[in-house]
Amino acid sequence: MALFGAGAADMFKWLATGCTILGAGMTAADLGRRATGWGFAVLATGSACWLAAAQMEQESQLGLTNLVLLVLNAAGVWRWLVRKAPGHAAPQGAGDGGAKLRPAE
């Protein structure tokens, strides 16, 4: 279990371990939209590394699990980092100098 002198699969496993721990901590800390989104990005990187190691070592269960997690983490990146927050639409009357629309009398 030595880090130095290890094969490529072991290097991917160590990187995946670090990314998984860091990403889970960032997501669980709930430090806001951007931090949560980046937490999902780090988790997605960890899933991709686990997937690479699983492919190299022909571990289909680990590969399938992390393929599903990669898709779920990508959805988390989309929701928290790419997509605008719901409810942040332009306020009514924006762009018209703040004038309120009134029904015609």
C-alpha atoms as a PDB file:
ATOM      1  CA  MET A   1       0.000   0.000   0.000  1.00  0.00           C
ATOM      2  CA  ALA A   2       2.933   2.293  -0.649  1.00  0.00           C
ATOM      3  CA  LEU A   3       2.088   5.516  -2.421  1.00  0.00           C
ATOM      4  CA  PHE A   4       5.431   5.872  -4.163  1.00  0.00           C
ATOM      5  CA  GLY A   5       6.346   3.243  -6.707  1.00  0.00           C
ATOM      6  CA  ALA A   6       2.682   2.277  -7.073  1.00  0.00           C
ATOM      7  CA  GLY A   7       1.052   1.523 -10.390  1.00  0.00           C
ATOM      8  CA  ALA A   8      -1.295   3.822 -12.268  1.00  0.00           C
ATOM      9  CA  ALA A   9      -4.373   2.175 -10.743  1.00  0.00           C
ATOM     10  CA  ASP A  10      -3.064   2.841  -7.229  1.00  0.00           C
ATOM     11  CA  MET A  11      -2.368   6.469  -8.113  1.00  0.00           C
ATOM     12  CA  PHE A  12      -5.947   6.850  -9.375  1.00  0.00           C
ATOM     13  CA  LYS A  13      -7.231   5.230  -6.169  1.00  0.00           C
ATOM     14  CA  TRP A  14      -5.285   7.661  -3.954  1.00  0.00           C
ATOM     15  CA  LEU A  15      -6.440  10.644  -6.009  1.00  0.00           C
ATOM     16  CA  ALA A  16     -10.019   9.325  -5.884  1.00  0.00           C
ATOM     17  CA  THR A  17      -9.803   8.881  -2.121  1.00  0.00           C
ATOM     18  CA  GLY A  18      -8.635  12.460  -1.608  1.00  0.00           C
ATOM     19  CA  CYS A  19     -11.232  13.895  -4.003  1.00  0.00           C
ATOM     20  CA  THR A  20     -14.026  11.897  -2.396  1.00  0.00           C
ATOM     21  CA  ILE A  21     -13.128  13.044   1.119  1.00  0.00           C
ATOM     22  CA  LEU A  22     -12.625  16.676   0.097  1.00  0.00           C
ATOM     23  CA  GLY A  23     -15.738  16.799  -2.101  1.00  0.00           C
ATOM     24  CA  ALA A  24     -17.929  15.203   0.566  1.00  0.00           C
ATOM     25  CA  GLY A  25     -16.674  17.717   3.131  1.00  0.00           C
ATOM     26  CA  MET A  26     -17.315  20.657   0.817  1.00  0.00           C
ATOM     27  CA  THR A  27     -20.816  19.439   0.024  1.00  0.00           C
ATOM     28  CA  ALA A  28     -21.717  18.609   3.625  1.00  0.00           C
ATOM     29  CA  ALA A  29     -20.430  21.974   4.903  1.00  0.00           C
ATOM     30  CA  ASP A  30     -23.200  23.743   2.940  1.00  0.00           C
ATOM     31  CA  LEU A  31     -21.165  26.929   2.536  1.00  0.00           C
ATOM     32  CA  GLY A  32     -23.393  28.274  -0.216  1.00  0.00           C
ATOM     33  CA  ARG A  33     -24.282  27.546  -3.822  1.00  0.00           C
ATOM     34  CA  ARG A  34     -20.835  27.922  -5.352  1.00  0.00           C
ATOM     35  CA  ALA A  35     -19.001  25.925  -2.674  1.00  0.00           C
ATOM     36  CA  THR A  36     -21.578  23.146  -2.907  1.00  0.00           C
ATOM     37  CA  GLY A  37     -21.281  23.150  -6.702  1.00  0.00           C
ATOM     38  CA  TRP A  38     -17.501  22.902  -6.512  1.00  0.00           C
ATOM     39  CA  GLY A  39     -17.921  20.114  -3.956  1.00  0.00           C
ATOM     40  CA  PHE A  40     -19.922  18.180  -6.537  1.00  0.00           C
ATOM     41  CA  ALA A  41     -17.218  18.905  -9.139  1.00  0.00           C
ATOM     42  CA  VAL A  42     -14.545  17.471  -6.825  1.00  0.00           C
ATOM     43  CA  LEU A  43     -16.786  14.449  -6.141  1.00  0.00           C
ATOM     44  CA  ALA A  44     -17.221  13.969  -9.904  1.00  0.00           C
ATOM     45  CA  THR A  45     -13.428  14.010 -10.302  1.00  0.00           C
ATOM     46  CA  GLY A  46     -13.170  11.366  -7.582  1.00  0.00           C
ATOM     47  CA  SER A  47     -15.804   9.239  -9.314  1.00  0.00           C
ATOM     48  CA  ALA A  48     -13.933   9.505 -12.616  1.00  0.00           C
ATOM     49  CA  CYS A  49     -10.706   8.407 -10.889  1.00  0.00           C
ATOM     50  CA  TRP A  50     -12.474   5.458  -9.223  1.00  0.00           C
ATOM     51  CA  LEU A  51     -13.926   4.556 -12.621  1.00  0.00           C
ATOM     52  CA  ALA A  52     -10.458   4.614 -14.223  1.00  0.00           C
ATOM     53  CA  ALA A  53      -8.989   2.437 -11.458  1.00  0.00           C
ATOM     54  CA  ALA A  54     -11.906   0.017 -11.724  1.00  0.00           C
ATOM     55  CA  GLN A  55     -11.383  -0.269 -15.473  1.00  0.00           C
ATOM     56  CA  MET A  56      -7.648  -0.933 -15.034  1.00  0.00           C
ATOM     57  CA  GLU A  57      -8.245  -3.605 -12.421  1.00  0.00           C
ATOM     58  CA  GLN A  58     -11.397  -5.027 -14.059  1.00  0.00           C
ATOM     59  CA  GLU A  59     -13.584  -4.407 -11.006  1.00  0.00           C
ATOM     60  CA  SER A  60     -17.021  -4.138 -12.588  1.00  0.00           C
ATOM     61  CA  GLN A  61     -18.961  -3.453  -9.355  1.00  0.00           C
ATOM     62  CA  LEU A  62     -16.728  -0.517  -8.432  1.00  0.00           C
ATOM     63  CA  GLY A  63     -16.905   0.742 -12.009  1.00  0.00           C
ATOM     64  CA  LEU A  64     -20.694   0.559 -12.239  1.00  0.00           C
ATOM     65  CA  THR A  65     -21.151   2.238  -8.862  1.00  0.00           C
ATOM     66  CA  ASN A  66     -18.890   5.132  -9.801  1.00  0.00           C
ATOM     67  CA  LEU A  67     -20.371   5.485 -13.270  1.00  0.00           C
ATOM     68  CA  VAL A  68     -23.750   6.102 -11.594  1.00  0.00           C
ATOM     69  CA  LEU A  69     -22.132   8.443  -9.046  1.00  0.00           C
ATOM     70  CA  LEU A  70     -20.391  10.352 -11.840  1.00  0.00           C
ATOM     71  CA  VAL A  71     -23.762  11.015 -13.493  1.00  0.00           C
ATOM     72  CA  LEU A  72     -25.325  12.059 -10.161  1.00  0.00           C
ATOM     73  CA  ASN A  73     -22.384  14.326  -9.332  1.00  0.00           C
ATOM     74  CA  ALA A  74     -22.584  15.909 -12.798  1.00  0.00           C
ATOM     75  CA  ALA A  75     -26.263  16.642 -12.070  1.00  0.00           C
ATOM     76  CA  GLY A  76     -25.147  18.263  -8.795  1.00  0.00           C
ATOM     77  CA  VAL A  77     -22.642  20.426 -10.672  1.00  0.00           C
ATOM     78  CA  TRP A  78     -25.395  21.468 -13.086  1.00  0.00           C
ATOM     79  CA  ARG A  79     -27.858  22.260 -10.318  1.00  0.00           C
ATOM     80  CA  TRP A  80     -25.556  24.117  -7.931  1.00  0.00           C
ATOM     81  CA  LEU A  81     -22.859  25.624 -10.155  1.00  0.00           C
ATOM     82  CA  VAL A  82     -24.168  26.068 -13.708  1.00  0.00           C
ATOM     83  CA  ARG A  83     -27.904  26.695 -13.416  1.00  0.00           C
ATOM     84  CA  LYS A  84     -29.124  29.961 -11.949  1.00  0.00           C
ATOM     85  CA  ALA A  85     -30.746  29.759  -8.543  1.00  0.00           C
ATOM     86  CA  PRO A  86     -34.516  29.439  -8.700  1.00  0.00           C
ATOM     87  CA  GLY A  87     -36.371  32.543  -7.626  1.00  0.00           C
ATOM     88  CA  HIS A  88     -33.640  34.877  -8.849  1.00  0.00           C
ATOM     89  CA  ALA A  89     -35.584  36.203 -11.810  1.00  0.00           C
ATOM     90  CA  ALA A  90     -35.575  39.893 -12.552  1.00  0.00           C
ATOM     91  CA  PRO A  91     -38.035  41.674 -10.274  1.00  0.00           C
ATOM     92  CA  GLN A  92     -41.278  42.870 -11.811  1.00  0.00           C
ATOM     93  CA  GLY A  93     -40.848  46.314 -13.227  1.00  0.00           C
ATOM     94  CA  ALA A  94     -37.101  45.894 -13.701  1.00  0.00           C
ATOM     95  CA  GLY A  95     -35.831  47.822 -16.655  1.00  0.00           C
ATOM     96  CA  ASP A  96     -38.698  50.318 -16.661  1.00  0.00           C
ATOM     97  CA  GLY A  97     -37.202  52.670 -14.121  1.00  0.00           C
ATOM     98  CA  GLY A  98     -39.142  51.063 -11.291  1.00  0.00           C
ATOM     99  CA  ALA A  99     -42.527  52.173 -12.592  1.00  0.00           C
ATOM    100  CA  LYS A 100     -45.377  49.926 -11.541  1.00  0.00           C
ATOM    101  CA  LEU A 101     -47.901  48.802 -14.094  1.00  0.00           C
ATOM    102  CA  ARG A 102     -51.427  49.784 -13.170  1.00  0.00           C
ATOM    103  CA  PRO A 103     -54.616  48.568 -14.759  1.00  0.00           C
ATOM    104  CA  ALA A 104     -56.232  51.044 -17.149  1.00  0.00           C
ATOM    105  CA  GLU A 105     -59.191  52.892 -15.650  1.00  0.00           C
END
